[in-house]
N, C-alpha and C. Protein backbone atom coordinates (compact mmCIF):
# COMPACT_ATOMS: atom_id res chain seq x y z
N UNK A 1 17.08 59.94 79.85
CA UNK A 1 17.77 60.24 80.87
C UNK A 1 17.86 59.59 81.94
N UNK A 2 16.89 58.74 82.97
CA UNK A 2 16.54 58.14 83.78
C UNK A 2 16.78 56.66 83.60
N UNK A 3 16.43 56.41 82.44
CA UNK A 3 16.78 54.98 82.14
C UNK A 3 18.01 54.40 82.21
N UNK A 4 18.76 55.65 81.46
CA UNK A 4 20.12 55.41 81.05
C UNK A 4 21.07 55.35 82.58
N UNK A 5 20.68 56.19 82.99
CA UNK A 5 21.45 56.19 84.72
C UNK A 5 21.05 55.10 85.47
N UNK A 6 19.61 54.18 84.99
CA UNK A 6 19.30 53.16 85.75
C UNK A 6 20.12 51.98 85.39
N UNK A 7 20.21 51.78 84.11
CA UNK A 7 20.90 50.74 83.62
C UNK A 7 22.69 51.12 83.83
N UNK A 8 22.83 52.19 83.72
CA UNK A 8 24.11 52.72 83.98
C UNK A 8 24.49 52.05 86.14
N UNK A 9 23.56 52.29 86.81
CA UNK A 9 23.66 51.81 87.86
C UNK A 9 23.51 50.46 88.24
N UNK A 10 22.75 49.89 87.37
CA UNK A 10 22.50 48.03 87.11
C UNK A 10 23.89 47.36 87.05
N UNK A 11 24.31 48.31 85.80
CA UNK A 11 25.26 47.06 84.79
C UNK A 11 26.94 47.56 86.15
N UNK A 12 26.70 48.58 87.02
CA UNK A 12 27.89 48.85 87.99
C UNK A 12 28.09 47.81 89.01
N UNK A 13 26.45 47.48 89.54
CA UNK A 13 26.06 46.41 90.47
C UNK A 13 26.75 45.08 89.90
N UNK A 14 26.13 44.74 88.70
CA UNK A 14 26.72 43.42 88.07
C UNK A 14 28.06 43.35 88.02
N UNK A 15 29.06 44.19 87.58
CA UNK A 15 30.13 44.17 87.33
C UNK A 15 30.87 43.98 88.67
N UNK A 16 30.31 44.51 90.04
CA UNK A 16 31.03 44.55 91.27
C UNK A 16 30.59 43.66 91.79
N UNK A 17 29.88 42.50 91.16
CA UNK A 17 29.38 41.27 92.12
C UNK A 17 28.92 41.34 93.38
N UNK A 18 27.84 42.70 93.25
CA UNK A 18 26.61 42.83 94.44
C UNK A 18 25.52 42.53 94.09
N UNK A 19 25.01 41.51 92.97
CA UNK A 19 23.92 41.26 93.10
C UNK A 19 23.96 39.64 93.33
N UNK A 20 23.31 39.07 94.44
CA UNK A 20 23.60 37.96 95.24
C UNK A 20 23.22 36.36 93.50
N UNK A 21 22.11 37.04 93.09
CA UNK A 21 22.37 35.97 92.21
C UNK A 21 23.17 35.58 91.15
N UNK A 22 24.04 36.65 90.90
CA UNK A 22 25.28 36.61 90.10
C UNK A 22 26.46 35.86 90.70
N UNK A 23 26.64 36.46 92.18
CA UNK A 23 27.45 35.58 92.94
C UNK A 23 27.33 34.01 92.78
N UNK A 24 26.32 33.81 93.29
CA UNK A 24 25.93 32.49 93.27
C UNK A 24 26.38 31.64 91.87
N UNK A 25 25.86 31.97 91.25
CA UNK A 25 26.20 31.43 89.55
C UNK A 25 27.58 31.27 89.73
N UNK A 26 28.33 32.23 89.54
CA UNK A 26 29.92 32.18 89.62
C UNK A 26 30.38 31.07 90.33
N UNK A 27 29.84 30.96 91.98
CA UNK A 27 30.35 30.11 92.39
C UNK A 27 30.41 28.70 92.12
N UNK A 28 29.30 28.52 92.12
CA UNK A 28 29.14 27.21 91.35
C UNK A 28 29.29 26.59 90.14
N UNK A 29 29.92 27.67 89.44
CA UNK A 29 30.67 27.43 87.71
C UNK A 29 31.86 26.93 88.59
N UNK A 30 32.81 27.31 89.12
CA UNK A 30 34.14 27.11 89.24
C UNK A 30 34.74 26.17 90.47
N UNK A 31 35.43 25.28 89.89
CA UNK A 31 35.94 24.46 91.03
C UNK A 31 36.71 24.96 92.28
N UNK A 32 36.21 24.30 93.42
CA UNK A 32 37.31 25.26 94.05
C UNK A 32 37.94 23.95 94.92
N UNK A 33 39.27 23.71 94.89
CA UNK A 33 40.29 22.84 95.19
C UNK A 33 40.67 22.82 96.59
N UNK A 34 40.44 24.08 97.41
CA UNK A 34 41.10 24.82 98.73
C UNK A 34 41.37 23.34 99.32
N UNK A 35 39.99 23.27 100.33
CA UNK A 35 40.18 22.23 101.15
C UNK A 35 41.43 20.73 100.61
N UNK A 36 41.05 20.46 99.41
CA UNK A 36 42.07 19.15 99.37
C UNK A 36 43.68 19.94 98.83
N UNK A 37 43.82 20.90 98.82
CA UNK A 37 45.10 20.96 99.24
C UNK A 37 45.96 21.51 99.84
N UNK A 38 45.07 20.99 101.31
CA UNK A 38 45.84 21.45 102.80
C UNK A 38 46.11 19.91 102.82
N UNK A 39 47.68 19.90 103.87
CA UNK A 39 48.49 18.58 104.56
C UNK A 39 49.75 19.01 103.94
N UNK A 40 50.26 17.94 104.40
CA UNK A 40 51.90 17.34 104.35
C UNK A 40 52.07 17.05 102.78
N UNK A 41 51.33 17.32 101.78
CA UNK A 41 51.48 16.68 100.52
C UNK A 41 52.17 18.16 99.58
N UNK A 42 52.84 17.19 98.46
CA UNK A 42 53.79 18.81 97.49
C UNK A 42 52.24 19.86 97.29
N UNK A 43 52.19 21.01 96.97
CA UNK A 43 51.26 22.00 96.65
C UNK A 43 51.95 22.60 95.60
N UNK A 44 51.40 23.30 94.89
CA UNK A 44 51.97 24.09 93.41
C UNK A 44 52.71 25.19 93.73
N UNK A 45 52.87 25.89 95.14
CA UNK A 45 53.44 26.86 95.61
C UNK A 45 54.70 26.27 95.85
N UNK A 46 55.16 24.93 95.89
CA UNK A 46 56.45 24.44 96.45
C UNK A 46 57.09 24.05 95.27
N UNK A 47 56.61 23.80 94.05
CA UNK A 47 57.10 23.50 92.77
C UNK A 47 58.31 24.28 92.44
N UNK A 48 59.44 23.61 92.22
CA UNK A 48 60.69 24.54 91.76
C UNK A 48 60.66 25.01 90.24
N UNK A 49 61.30 26.13 90.36
CA UNK A 49 61.30 26.63 89.36
C UNK A 49 62.40 26.46 88.08
N UNK A 50 62.58 25.42 88.10
CA UNK A 50 63.71 24.69 87.26
C UNK A 50 63.20 24.69 85.80
N UNK A 51 63.98 24.69 84.80
CA UNK A 51 63.36 24.47 83.51
C UNK A 51 62.59 23.39 83.40
N UNK A 52 63.48 21.96 83.71
CA UNK A 52 62.85 20.73 83.11
C UNK A 52 61.03 20.18 84.15
N UNK A 53 60.73 20.84 85.31
CA UNK A 53 60.04 20.69 85.83
C UNK A 53 58.90 21.52 85.17
N UNK A 54 58.91 22.72 85.20
CA UNK A 54 58.31 23.45 84.66
C UNK A 54 57.62 23.11 83.09
N UNK A 55 58.61 22.61 82.31
CA UNK A 55 57.99 22.39 80.79
C UNK A 55 57.41 21.25 81.24
N UNK A 56 57.49 20.18 82.34
CA UNK A 56 56.84 18.57 82.50
C UNK A 56 55.45 19.24 82.47
N UNK A 57 55.16 20.41 83.73
CA UNK A 57 54.20 20.61 84.11
C UNK A 57 53.20 21.14 82.99
N UNK A 58 53.57 22.34 82.35
CA UNK A 58 53.00 22.74 80.87
C UNK A 58 52.78 22.06 80.00
N UNK A 59 53.50 20.75 79.76
CA UNK A 59 53.06 19.86 79.08
C UNK A 59 51.89 19.03 79.53
N UNK A 60 52.04 19.08 80.74
CA UNK A 60 50.63 17.87 80.96
C UNK A 60 49.60 18.83 81.17
N UNK A 61 49.47 19.89 81.67
CA UNK A 61 48.63 20.89 81.71
C UNK A 61 47.93 21.53 80.55
N UNK A 62 48.40 21.14 79.38
CA UNK A 62 48.12 21.63 77.87
C UNK A 62 47.71 20.39 77.25
N UNK A 63 48.17 19.27 77.68
CA UNK A 63 47.28 18.01 77.66
C UNK A 63 46.04 18.00 78.18
N UNK A 64 45.71 18.36 79.34
CA UNK A 64 44.75 18.36 80.20
C UNK A 64 43.31 19.30 79.69
N UNK A 65 43.96 20.35 79.48
CA UNK A 65 42.99 21.80 79.11
C UNK A 65 42.61 21.26 77.53
N UNK A 66 43.46 20.32 76.97
CA UNK A 66 42.66 20.49 75.30
C UNK A 66 41.60 19.25 75.45
N UNK A 67 41.77 18.45 76.47
CA UNK A 67 40.98 17.54 76.32
C UNK A 67 39.58 18.12 77.07
N UNK A 68 38.68 18.38 75.74
CA UNK A 68 37.52 18.92 76.10
C UNK A 68 36.27 18.08 76.70
N UNK A 69 36.53 16.69 76.64
CA UNK A 69 35.92 15.87 77.44
C UNK A 69 35.83 15.84 79.12
N UNK A 70 36.73 16.37 79.35
CA UNK A 70 36.73 16.24 81.01
C UNK A 70 36.06 17.67 81.37
N UNK A 71 35.75 17.55 82.53
CA UNK A 71 35.05 18.40 83.30
C UNK A 71 35.98 19.87 83.78
N UNK A 72 35.03 21.17 84.55
CA UNK A 72 35.73 21.74 84.72
C UNK A 72 36.77 21.29 85.77
N UNK A 73 36.08 20.73 86.64
CA UNK A 73 36.94 20.12 87.79
C UNK A 73 38.32 19.40 87.44
N UNK A 74 38.24 18.90 86.59
CA UNK A 74 39.48 18.11 86.06
C UNK A 74 40.16 18.70 85.15
N UNK A 75 39.80 20.06 84.76
CA UNK A 75 40.84 21.02 83.89
C UNK A 75 41.30 21.37 84.87
N UNK A 76 41.00 22.13 86.42
CA UNK A 76 41.72 22.62 87.14
C UNK A 76 42.14 22.06 88.11
N UNK A 77 42.71 20.33 88.23
CA UNK A 77 43.76 19.87 89.20
C UNK A 77 44.65 20.72 89.63
N UNK A 78 45.33 20.20 90.50
CA UNK A 78 46.93 20.85 90.64
C UNK A 78 47.92 19.60 89.90
N UNK A 79 48.79 20.32 89.27
CA UNK A 79 50.02 19.72 88.76
C UNK A 79 51.40 20.02 89.26
N UNK A 80 51.68 19.28 90.18
CA UNK A 80 53.15 19.48 90.65
C UNK A 80 54.44 18.51 90.42
N UNK A 81 55.35 19.37 89.72
CA UNK A 81 56.48 18.74 89.54
C UNK A 81 57.48 18.94 89.97
N UNK A 82 58.11 17.94 90.99
CA UNK A 82 59.51 18.38 91.71
C UNK A 82 60.57 17.42 91.12
N UNK A 83 61.40 17.80 90.74
CA UNK A 83 62.94 16.73 90.45
C UNK A 83 62.14 15.64 89.13
N UNK A 84 61.59 15.86 88.37
CA UNK A 84 60.43 15.18 87.92
C UNK A 84 59.48 14.26 88.09
N UNK A 85 59.40 14.60 89.62
CA UNK A 85 58.11 12.98 89.94
C UNK A 85 57.24 14.23 89.77
N UNK A 86 55.86 13.83 89.22
CA UNK A 86 54.60 14.57 89.22
C UNK A 86 53.25 13.82 90.34
N UNK A 87 52.97 14.78 91.00
CA UNK A 87 51.87 14.74 91.56
C UNK A 87 50.39 15.42 91.43
N UNK A 88 49.37 14.86 90.90
CA UNK A 88 48.67 15.22 90.78
C UNK A 88 47.21 14.99 91.76
N UNK A 89 46.86 16.38 92.28
CA UNK A 89 45.85 16.71 93.28
C UNK A 89 44.48 17.32 92.87
N UNK A 90 43.36 16.86 93.25
CA UNK A 90 42.25 17.67 93.34
C UNK A 90 41.22 17.18 93.12
N UNK A 91 39.70 17.45 92.89
CA UNK A 91 38.82 16.54 92.61
C UNK A 91 38.51 16.16 90.99
N UNK A 92 38.11 15.27 90.73
CA UNK A 92 37.73 14.72 89.45
C UNK A 92 36.20 14.34 89.63
N UNK A 93 35.09 14.18 88.32
CA UNK A 93 34.37 13.56 88.06
C UNK A 93 33.72 12.30 88.21
N UNK A 94 35.04 11.73 87.79
CA UNK A 94 34.43 10.12 87.71
C UNK A 94 35.98 9.37 87.53
N UNK A 95 35.76 8.21 87.67
CA UNK A 95 37.13 7.20 87.29
C UNK A 95 37.72 7.55 86.06
N UNK A 96 36.87 7.62 84.89
CA UNK A 96 37.40 7.48 83.83
C UNK A 96 38.05 9.00 83.12
N UNK A 97 37.51 10.05 84.18
CA UNK A 97 38.78 11.55 83.90
C UNK A 97 39.64 11.15 84.59
N UNK A 98 40.00 10.32 85.98
CA UNK A 98 41.19 10.42 86.65
C UNK A 98 42.12 8.92 85.97
N UNK A 99 41.59 8.57 85.59
CA UNK A 99 43.03 7.77 84.91
C UNK A 99 43.01 8.36 83.32
N UNK A 100 42.13 9.50 82.69
CA UNK A 100 42.98 9.88 81.10
C UNK A 100 43.82 11.08 81.76
N UNK A 101 43.16 11.70 82.93
CA UNK A 101 44.52 12.41 83.37
C UNK A 101 45.94 11.61 83.91
N UNK A 102 45.51 10.51 84.26
CA UNK A 102 46.92 10.14 85.01
C UNK A 102 47.60 9.47 83.71
N UNK A 103 47.16 8.67 82.66
CA UNK A 103 47.78 8.55 80.90
C UNK A 103 48.08 10.02 80.56
N UNK A 104 47.69 11.08 80.79
CA UNK A 104 48.81 11.91 80.04
C UNK A 104 49.69 12.52 80.92
N UNK A 105 49.54 12.38 82.10
CA UNK A 105 50.59 13.07 82.92
C UNK A 105 52.32 11.84 82.92
N UNK A 106 51.81 10.63 82.51
CA UNK A 106 52.51 9.35 82.55
C UNK A 106 53.11 9.28 81.03
N UNK A 107 52.61 9.90 80.13
CA UNK A 107 52.97 9.93 78.71
C UNK A 107 53.98 11.05 78.94
N UNK A 108 54.02 12.34 79.21
CA UNK A 108 54.52 13.16 79.65
C UNK A 108 55.80 12.86 80.74
N UNK A 109 56.25 12.78 81.91
CA UNK A 109 56.72 12.25 82.98
C UNK A 109 57.52 10.83 82.89
N UNK A 110 56.53 9.89 82.11
CA UNK A 110 56.91 8.34 81.94
C UNK A 110 56.47 7.87 82.95
N UNK A 111 56.26 6.25 82.97
CA UNK A 111 55.73 5.17 83.80
C UNK A 111 56.30 5.60 85.16
N UNK A 112 55.82 5.57 86.14
CA UNK A 112 56.24 5.57 87.53
C UNK A 112 56.66 6.64 88.19
N UNK A 113 56.61 7.83 87.27
CA UNK A 113 56.87 9.04 87.68
C UNK A 113 55.95 10.28 88.15
N UNK A 114 54.72 9.00 88.10
CA UNK A 114 53.43 10.51 88.66
C UNK A 114 52.66 9.85 89.64
N UNK A 115 52.85 10.08 90.82
CA UNK A 115 51.57 10.32 91.79
C UNK A 115 50.49 10.50 91.96
N UNK A 116 49.27 9.58 91.62
CA UNK A 116 47.73 10.48 91.26
C UNK A 116 47.28 10.34 92.80
N UNK A 117 46.97 11.50 93.12
CA UNK A 117 46.49 11.75 94.33
C UNK A 117 44.96 12.08 93.85
N UNK A 118 44.26 12.07 92.96
CA UNK A 118 43.40 12.56 92.52
C UNK A 118 41.73 11.81 93.09
N UNK A 119 40.95 12.92 93.42
CA UNK A 119 39.45 12.02 93.89
C UNK A 119 38.47 11.90 93.46
N UNK A 120 37.77 11.45 93.60
CA UNK A 120 36.55 11.48 92.30
C UNK A 120 35.57 11.97 93.56
N UNK A 121 34.66 13.17 92.78
CA UNK A 121 33.61 14.15 93.60
C UNK A 121 32.33 14.13 92.85
N UNK A 122 31.63 13.17 92.73
CA UNK A 122 30.72 13.04 91.67
C UNK A 122 29.67 14.75 91.93
N UNK A 123 28.56 15.01 90.88
CA UNK A 123 28.14 16.14 91.21
C UNK A 123 27.19 15.89 92.59
N UNK A 124 26.97 17.37 92.87
CA UNK A 124 25.89 17.29 94.07
C UNK A 124 24.48 17.63 93.73
């Protein structure tokens, strides 16, 4: 009986995130772009809800996520479309990732309609 009670308590603590080792592991496995999203440039919350812009963003996001060669950081970049103009923001790991994402966006939005604000942030 005590064993199952201890197991239940431990499971609750793990699920609630009260074990420091679990929190540390979770925070390093997620890309946090918060600092990169500040400033006077377009942000995702400013994207208009018109159908064309939303579809452009969805198609680019789909192409990026399908590319399993890209890092988690690259999969989590911001894609903002306003009046057919796409802005890419956030960190990626390599110049190749940056070029790959810009190429995918240009295929969808058209050449000359993509502003690349991606930054290379190598592994620490």
